[in-house]
Amino acid sequence: MAGDRSRDDTGSNRGGVKPSPGDDAAPGTPGTGENVCPACKGSGRLGNDPCANCSGTGVVIEGVGGG
């Protein structure tokens, strides 16, 4: 499922998830959250191929800004 960052390609839990090229930090890092991938606009695809920026998930991990 696009956007499901809780498992990696091997089906292991979040601890084994590698950051995608478009991620600012690893999933679960404090002060970060998921955002729609700007390259594929959340589809997880660029043409017929998985989006390289988000590794096909449709989301990237970004810092959450404050005050």
PDB file of N, CA and C in Angstrom:
ATOM      1  N   MET A   1       0.838  -1.179   0.000  1.00  0.00           N
ATOM      2  CA  MET A   1       0.000   0.000   0.000  1.00  0.00           C
ATOM      3  C   MET A   1       0.880   1.239   0.000  1.00  0.00           C
ATOM      4  N   ALA A   2       0.622   2.184  -0.870  1.00  0.00           N
ATOM      5  CA  ALA A   2       1.390   3.424  -0.911  1.00  0.00           C
ATOM      6  C   ALA A   2       1.236   4.149   0.410  1.00  0.00           C
ATOM      7  N   GLY A   3       2.335   4.677   0.888  1.00  0.00           N
ATOM      8  CA  GLY A   3       2.310   5.411   2.139  1.00  0.00           C
ATOM      9  C   GLY A   3       2.545   4.552   3.363  1.00  0.00           C
ATOM     10  N   ASP A   4       2.573   3.225   3.218  1.00  0.00           N
ATOM     11  CA  ASP A   4       2.796   2.348   4.358  1.00  0.00           C
ATOM     12  C   ASP A   4       4.292   2.227   4.593  1.00  0.00           C
ATOM     13  N   ARG A   5       4.815   2.993   5.535  1.00  0.00           N
ATOM     14  CA  ARG A   5       6.237   2.996   5.823  1.00  0.00           C
ATOM     15  C   ARG A   5       6.564   2.082   6.987  1.00  0.00           C
ATOM     16  N   SER A   6       5.588   1.295   7.463  1.00  0.00           N
ATOM     17  CA  SER A   6       5.825   0.476   8.637  1.00  0.00           C
ATOM     18  C   SER A   6       6.569  -0.814   8.317  1.00  0.00           C
ATOM     19  N   ARG A   7       6.739  -1.137   7.059  1.00  0.00           N
ATOM     20  CA  ARG A   7       7.450  -2.362   6.692  1.00  0.00           C
ATOM     21  C   ARG A   7       8.394  -2.086   5.537  1.00  0.00           C
ATOM     22  N   ASP A   8       9.518  -2.795   5.529  1.00  0.00           N
ATOM     23  CA  ASP A   8      10.419  -2.678   4.395  1.00  0.00           C
ATOM     24  C   ASP A   8      10.132  -3.804   3.404  1.00  0.00           C
ATOM     25  N   ASP A   9      10.953  -3.950   2.381  1.00  0.00           N
ATOM     26  CA  ASP A   9      10.715  -4.946   1.342  1.00  0.00           C
ATOM     27  C   ASP A   9      10.715  -6.376   1.860  1.00  0.00           C
ATOM     28  N   THR A  10      11.341  -6.609   3.017  1.00  0.00           N
ATOM     29  CA  THR A  10      11.396  -7.953   3.564  1.00  0.00           C
ATOM     30  C   THR A  10      10.227  -8.235   4.493  1.00  0.00           C
ATOM     31  N   GLY A  11       9.394  -7.217   4.752  1.00  0.00           N
ATOM     32  CA  GLY A  11       8.244  -7.401   5.622  1.00  0.00           C
ATOM     33  C   GLY A  11       8.547  -7.191   7.086  1.00  0.00           C
ATOM     34  N   SER A  12       9.771  -6.740   7.399  1.00  0.00           N
ATOM     35  CA  SER A  12      10.090  -6.523   8.806  1.00  0.00           C
ATOM     36  C   SER A  12       9.454  -5.228   9.293  1.00  0.00           C
ATOM     37  N   ASN A  13       9.411  -5.046  10.607  1.00  0.00           N
ATOM     38  CA  ASN A  13       8.786  -3.865  11.178  1.00  0.00           C
ATOM     39  C   ASN A  13       9.635  -2.622  10.969  1.00  0.00           C
ATOM     40  N   ARG A  14       9.126  -1.482  11.393  1.00  0.00           N
ATOM     41  CA  ARG A  14       9.700  -0.165  11.137  1.00  0.00           C
ATOM     42  C   ARG A  14      11.197  -0.084  11.403  1.00  0.00           C
ATOM     43  N   GLY A  15      11.728  -0.824  12.324  1.00  0.00           N
ATOM     44  CA  GLY A  15      13.147  -0.763  12.637  1.00  0.00           C
ATOM     45  C   GLY A  15      14.035  -1.050  11.446  1.00  0.00           C
ATOM     46  N   GLY A  16      13.550  -1.784  10.454  1.00  0.00           N
ATOM     47  CA  GLY A  16      14.355  -2.117   9.295  1.00  0.00           C
ATOM     48  C   GLY A  16      14.104  -1.232   8.095  1.00  0.00           C
ATOM     49  N   VAL A  17      13.274  -0.198   8.234  1.00  0.00           N
ATOM     50  CA  VAL A  17      12.954   0.664   7.102  1.00  0.00           C
ATOM     51  C   VAL A  17      14.119   1.596   6.831  1.00  0.00           C
ATOM     52  N   LYS A  18      14.564   1.631   5.594  1.00  0.00           N
ATOM     53  CA  LYS A  18      15.631   2.531   5.190  1.00  0.00           C
ATOM     54  C   LYS A  18      15.013   3.815   4.664  1.00  0.00           C
ATOM     55  N   PRO A  19      15.645   4.954   4.934  1.00  0.00           N
ATOM     56  CA  PRO A  19      15.127   6.206   4.385  1.00  0.00           C
ATOM     57  C   PRO A  19      15.163   6.187   2.856  1.00  0.00           C
ATOM     58  N   SER A  20      14.172   6.799   2.246  1.00  0.00           N
ATOM     59  CA  SER A  20      14.149   6.970   0.797  1.00  0.00           C
ATOM     60  C   SER A  20      15.019   8.166   0.443  1.00  0.00           C
ATOM     61  N   PRO A  21      15.448   8.278  -0.814  1.00  0.00           N
ATOM     62  CA  PRO A  21      16.288   9.418  -1.204  1.00  0.00           C
ATOM     63  C   PRO A  21      15.671  10.776  -0.879  1.00  0.00           C
ATOM     64  N   GLY A  22      14.356  10.903  -0.929  1.00  0.00           N
ATOM     65  CA  GLY A  22      13.703  12.182  -0.652  1.00  0.00           C
ATOM     66  C   GLY A  22      13.433  12.456   0.807  1.00  0.00           C
ATOM     67  N   ASP A  23      13.759  11.516   1.701  1.00  0.00           N
ATOM     68  CA  ASP A  23      13.514  11.688   3.129  1.00  0.00           C
ATOM     69  C   ASP A  23      14.555  12.622   3.743  1.00  0.00           C
ATOM     70  N   ASP A  24      14.107  13.464   4.678  1.00  0.00           N
ATOM     71  CA  ASP A  24      15.021  14.296   5.454  1.00  0.00           C
ATOM     72  C   ASP A  24      15.612  13.511   6.619  1.00  0.00           C
ATOM     73  N   ALA A  25      14.906  12.463   7.060  1.00  0.00           N
ATOM     74  CA  ALA A  25      15.334  11.668   8.210  1.00  0.00           C
ATOM     75  C   ALA A  25      14.699  10.283   8.096  1.00  0.00           C
ATOM     76  N   ALA A  26      15.143   9.376   8.948  1.00  0.00           N
ATOM     77  CA  ALA A  26      14.566   8.034   8.978  1.00  0.00           C
ATOM     78  C   ALA A  26      13.144   8.086   9.527  1.00  0.00           C
ATOM     79  N   PRO A  27      12.256   7.204   9.061  1.00  0.00           N
ATOM     80  CA  PRO A  27      10.901   7.149   9.612  1.00  0.00           C
ATOM     81  C   PRO A  27      10.932   6.958  11.122  1.00  0.00           C
ATOM     82  N   GLY A  28      10.074   7.698  11.825  1.00  0.00           N
ATOM     83  CA  GLY A  28       9.994   7.601  13.274  1.00  0.00           C
ATOM     84  C   GLY A  28      10.897   8.558  14.024  1.00  0.00           C
ATOM     85  N   THR A  29      11.706   9.341  13.304  1.00  0.00           N
ATOM     86  CA  THR A  29      12.586  10.297  13.967  1.00  0.00           C
ATOM     87  C   THR A  29      11.749  11.396  14.621  1.00  0.00           C
ATOM     88  N   PRO A  30      12.003  11.697  15.894  1.00  0.00           N
ATOM     89  CA  PRO A  30      11.248  12.764  16.550  1.00  0.00           C
ATOM     90  C   PRO A  30      11.370  14.083  15.778  1.00  0.00           C
ATOM     91  N   GLY A  31      10.280  14.835  15.725  1.00  0.00           N
ATOM     92  CA  GLY A  31      10.280  16.117  15.040  1.00  0.00           C
ATOM     93  C   GLY A  31      10.070  16.014  13.540  1.00  0.00           C
ATOM     94  N   THR A  32       9.667  14.816  13.068  1.00  0.00           N
ATOM     95  CA  THR A  32       9.419  14.621  11.644  1.00  0.00           C
ATOM     96  C   THR A  32       8.034  14.023  11.430  1.00  0.00           C
ATOM     97  N   GLY A  33       7.587  14.064  10.200  1.00  0.00           N
ATOM     98  CA  GLY A  33       6.314  13.462   9.843  1.00  0.00           C
ATOM     99  C   GLY A  33       6.262  13.181   8.359  1.00  0.00           C
ATOM    100  N   GLU A  34       5.233  12.444   7.950  1.00  0.00           N
ATOM    101  CA  GLU A  34       5.068  12.114   6.536  1.00  0.00           C
ATOM    102  C   GLU A  34       4.458  13.287   5.791  1.00  0.00           C
ATOM    103  N   ASN A  35       4.882  13.462   4.546  1.00  0.00           N
ATOM    104  CA  ASN A  35       4.315  14.461   3.659  1.00  0.00           C
ATOM    105  C   ASN A  35       4.210  13.828   2.273  1.00  0.00           C
ATOM    106  N   VAL A  36       3.350  14.368   1.450  1.00  0.00           N
ATOM    107  CA  VAL A  36       3.188  13.867   0.085  1.00  0.00           C
ATOM    108  C   VAL A  36       4.482  14.101  -0.682  1.00  0.00           C
ATOM    109  N   CYS A  37       4.924  13.092  -1.406  1.00  0.00           N
ATOM    110  CA  CYS A  37       6.148  13.203  -2.206  1.00  0.00           C
ATOM    111  C   CYS A  37       5.947  14.266  -3.291  1.00  0.00           C
ATOM    112  N   PRO A  38       6.854  15.250  -3.353  1.00  0.00           N
ATOM    113  CA  PRO A  38       6.704  16.300  -4.355  1.00  0.00           C
ATOM    114  C   PRO A  38       6.996  15.819  -5.780  1.00  0.00           C
ATOM    115  N   ALA A  39       7.752  14.760  -5.927  1.00  0.00           N
ATOM    116  CA  ALA A  39       8.109  14.277  -7.264  1.00  0.00           C
ATOM    117  C   ALA A  39       6.947  13.561  -7.954  1.00  0.00           C
ATOM    118  N   CYS A  40       6.277  12.658  -7.227  1.00  0.00           N
ATOM    119  CA  CYS A  40       5.178  11.873  -7.831  1.00  0.00           C
ATOM    120  C   CYS A  40       3.807  12.354  -7.378  1.00  0.00           C
ATOM    121  N   LYS A  41       3.790  13.364  -6.519  1.00  0.00           N
ATOM    122  CA  LYS A  41       2.548  13.938  -5.983  1.00  0.00           C
ATOM    123  C   LYS A  41       1.686  12.906  -5.258  1.00  0.00           C
ATOM    124  N   GLY A  42       2.367  11.947  -4.593  1.00  0.00           N
ATOM    125  CA  GLY A  42       1.674  10.971  -3.762  1.00  0.00           C
ATOM    126  C   GLY A  42       1.258   9.686  -4.455  1.00  0.00           C
ATOM    127  N   SER A  43       1.478   9.586  -5.757  1.00  0.00           N
ATOM    128  CA  SER A  43       1.051   8.380  -6.472  1.00  0.00           C
ATOM    129  C   SER A  43       2.005   7.211  -6.269  1.00  0.00           C
ATOM    130  N   GLY A  44       3.262   7.503  -5.959  1.00  0.00           N
ATOM    131  CA  GLY A  44       4.265   6.448  -5.834  1.00  0.00           C
ATOM    132  C   GLY A  44       4.834   6.004  -7.166  1.00  0.00           C
ATOM    133  N   ARG A  45       4.386   6.625  -8.261  1.00  0.00           N
ATOM    134  CA  ARG A  45       4.824   6.221  -9.603  1.00  0.00           C
ATOM    135  C   ARG A  45       5.235   7.446 -10.406  1.00  0.00           C
ATOM    136  N   LEU A  46       6.229   7.284 -11.232  1.00  0.00           N
ATOM    137  CA  LEU A  46       6.602   8.266 -12.243  1.00  0.00           C
ATOM    138  C   LEU A  46       6.549   7.527 -13.574  1.00  0.00           C
ATOM    139  N   GLY A  47       5.490   7.783 -14.316  1.00  0.00           N
ATOM    140  CA  GLY A  47       5.266   7.013 -15.540  1.00  0.00           C
ATOM    141  C   GLY A  47       4.921   5.589 -15.170  1.00  0.00           C
ATOM    142  N   ASN A  48       5.656   4.647 -15.735  1.00  0.00           N
ATOM    143  CA  ASN A  48       5.421   3.227 -15.451  1.00  0.00           C
ATOM    144  C   ASN A  48       6.325   2.673 -14.357  1.00  0.00           C
ATOM    145  N   ASP A  49       7.151   3.519 -13.777  1.00  0.00           N
ATOM    146  CA  ASP A  49       8.144   3.067 -12.804  1.00  0.00           C
ATOM    147  C   ASP A  49       7.835   3.602 -11.407  1.00  0.00           C
ATOM    148  N   PRO A  50       8.298   2.882 -10.371  1.00  0.00           N
ATOM    149  CA  PRO A  50       8.154   3.407  -9.016  1.00  0.00           C
ATOM    150  C   PRO A  50       8.947   4.712  -8.884  1.00  0.00           C
ATOM    151  N   CYS A  51       8.434   5.642  -8.122  1.00  0.00           N
ATOM    152  CA  CYS A  51       9.114   6.913  -7.901  1.00  0.00           C
ATOM    153  C   CYS A  51      10.407   6.677  -7.132  1.00  0.00           C
ATOM    154  N   ALA A  52      11.519   7.171  -7.668  1.00  0.00           N
ATOM    155  CA  ALA A  52      12.814   7.002  -7.010  1.00  0.00           C
ATOM    156  C   ALA A  52      12.953   7.895  -5.785  1.00  0.00           C
ATOM    157  N   ASN A  53      12.237   9.008  -5.744  1.00  0.00           N
ATOM    158  CA  ASN A  53      12.350   9.948  -4.634  1.00  0.00           C
ATOM    159  C   ASN A  53      11.764   9.377  -3.343  1.00  0.00           C
ATOM    160  N   CYS A  54      10.636   8.688  -3.445  1.00  0.00           N
ATOM    161  CA  CYS A  54       9.964   8.152  -2.252  1.00  0.00           C
ATOM    162  C   CYS A  54       9.997   6.629  -2.194  1.00  0.00           C
ATOM    163  N   SER A  55      10.727   6.009  -3.094  1.00  0.00           N
ATOM    164  CA  SER A  55      10.825   4.545  -3.185  1.00  0.00           C
ATOM    165  C   SER A  55       9.462   3.904  -3.430  1.00  0.00           C
ATOM    166  N   GLY A  56       8.581   4.641  -4.112  1.00  0.00           N
ATOM    167  CA  GLY A  56       7.282   4.095  -4.490  1.00  0.00           C
ATOM    168  C   GLY A  56       6.214   4.159  -3.410  1.00  0.00           C
ATOM    169  N   THR A  57       6.490   4.818  -2.281  1.00  0.00           N
ATOM    170  CA  THR A  57       5.501   4.884  -1.205  1.00  0.00           C
ATOM    171  C   THR A  57       4.506   6.030  -1.379  1.00  0.00           C
ATOM    172  N   GLY A  58       4.908   7.064  -2.102  1.00  0.00           N
ATOM    173  CA  GLY A  58       4.058   8.238  -2.262  1.00  0.00           C
ATOM    174  C   GLY A  58       4.226   9.266  -1.157  1.00  0.00           C
ATOM    175  N   VAL A  59       5.061   8.956  -0.155  1.00  0.00           N
ATOM    176  CA  VAL A  59       5.302   9.901   0.945  1.00  0.00           C
ATOM    177  C   VAL A  59       6.798  10.023   1.211  1.00  0.00           C
ATOM    178  N   VAL A  60       7.197  11.160   1.758  1.00  0.00           N
ATOM    179  CA  VAL A  60       8.556  11.383   2.223  1.00  0.00           C
ATOM    180  C   VAL A  60       8.492  11.838   3.675  1.00  0.00           C
ATOM    181  N   ILE A  61       9.577  11.650   4.401  1.00  0.00           N
ATOM    182  CA  ILE A  61       9.665  12.072   5.788  1.00  0.00           C
ATOM    183  C   ILE A  61      10.354  13.434   5.815  1.00  0.00           C
ATOM    184  N   GLU A  62       9.683  14.414   6.433  1.00  0.00           N
ATOM    185  CA  GLU A  62      10.217  15.765   6.492  1.00  0.00           C
ATOM    186  C   GLU A  62      10.159  16.287   7.912  1.00  0.00           C
ATOM    187  N   GLY A  63      11.007  17.278   8.181  1.00  0.00           N
ATOM    188  CA  GLY A  63      10.984  17.920   9.469  1.00  0.00           C
ATOM    189  C   GLY A  63       9.692  18.709   9.647  1.00  0.00           C
ATOM    190  N   VAL A  64       9.184  18.717  10.877  1.00  0.00           N
ATOM    191  CA  VAL A  64       7.983  19.472  11.197  1.00  0.00           C
ATOM    192  C   VAL A  64       8.435  20.798  11.783  1.00  0.00           C
ATOM    193  N   GLY A  65       8.103  21.895  11.088  1.00  0.00           N
ATOM    194  CA  GLY A  65       8.529  23.223  11.535  1.00  0.00           C
ATOM    195  C   GLY A  65       7.687  23.723  12.691  1.00  0.00           C
ATOM    196  N   GLY A  66       8.258  24.589  13.439  1.00  0.00           N
ATOM    197  CA  GLY A  66       7.536  25.187  14.556  1.00  0.00           C
ATOM    198  C   GLY A  66       7.918  26.643  14.719  1.00  0.00           C
ATOM    199  N   GLY A  67       7.093  27.358  15.471  1.00  0.00           N
ATOM    200  CA  GLY A  67       7.219  28.740  15.835  1.00  0.00           C
ATOM    201  C   GLY A  67       8.322  29.444  15.306  1.00  0.00           C
TER     202      GLY A  67
END
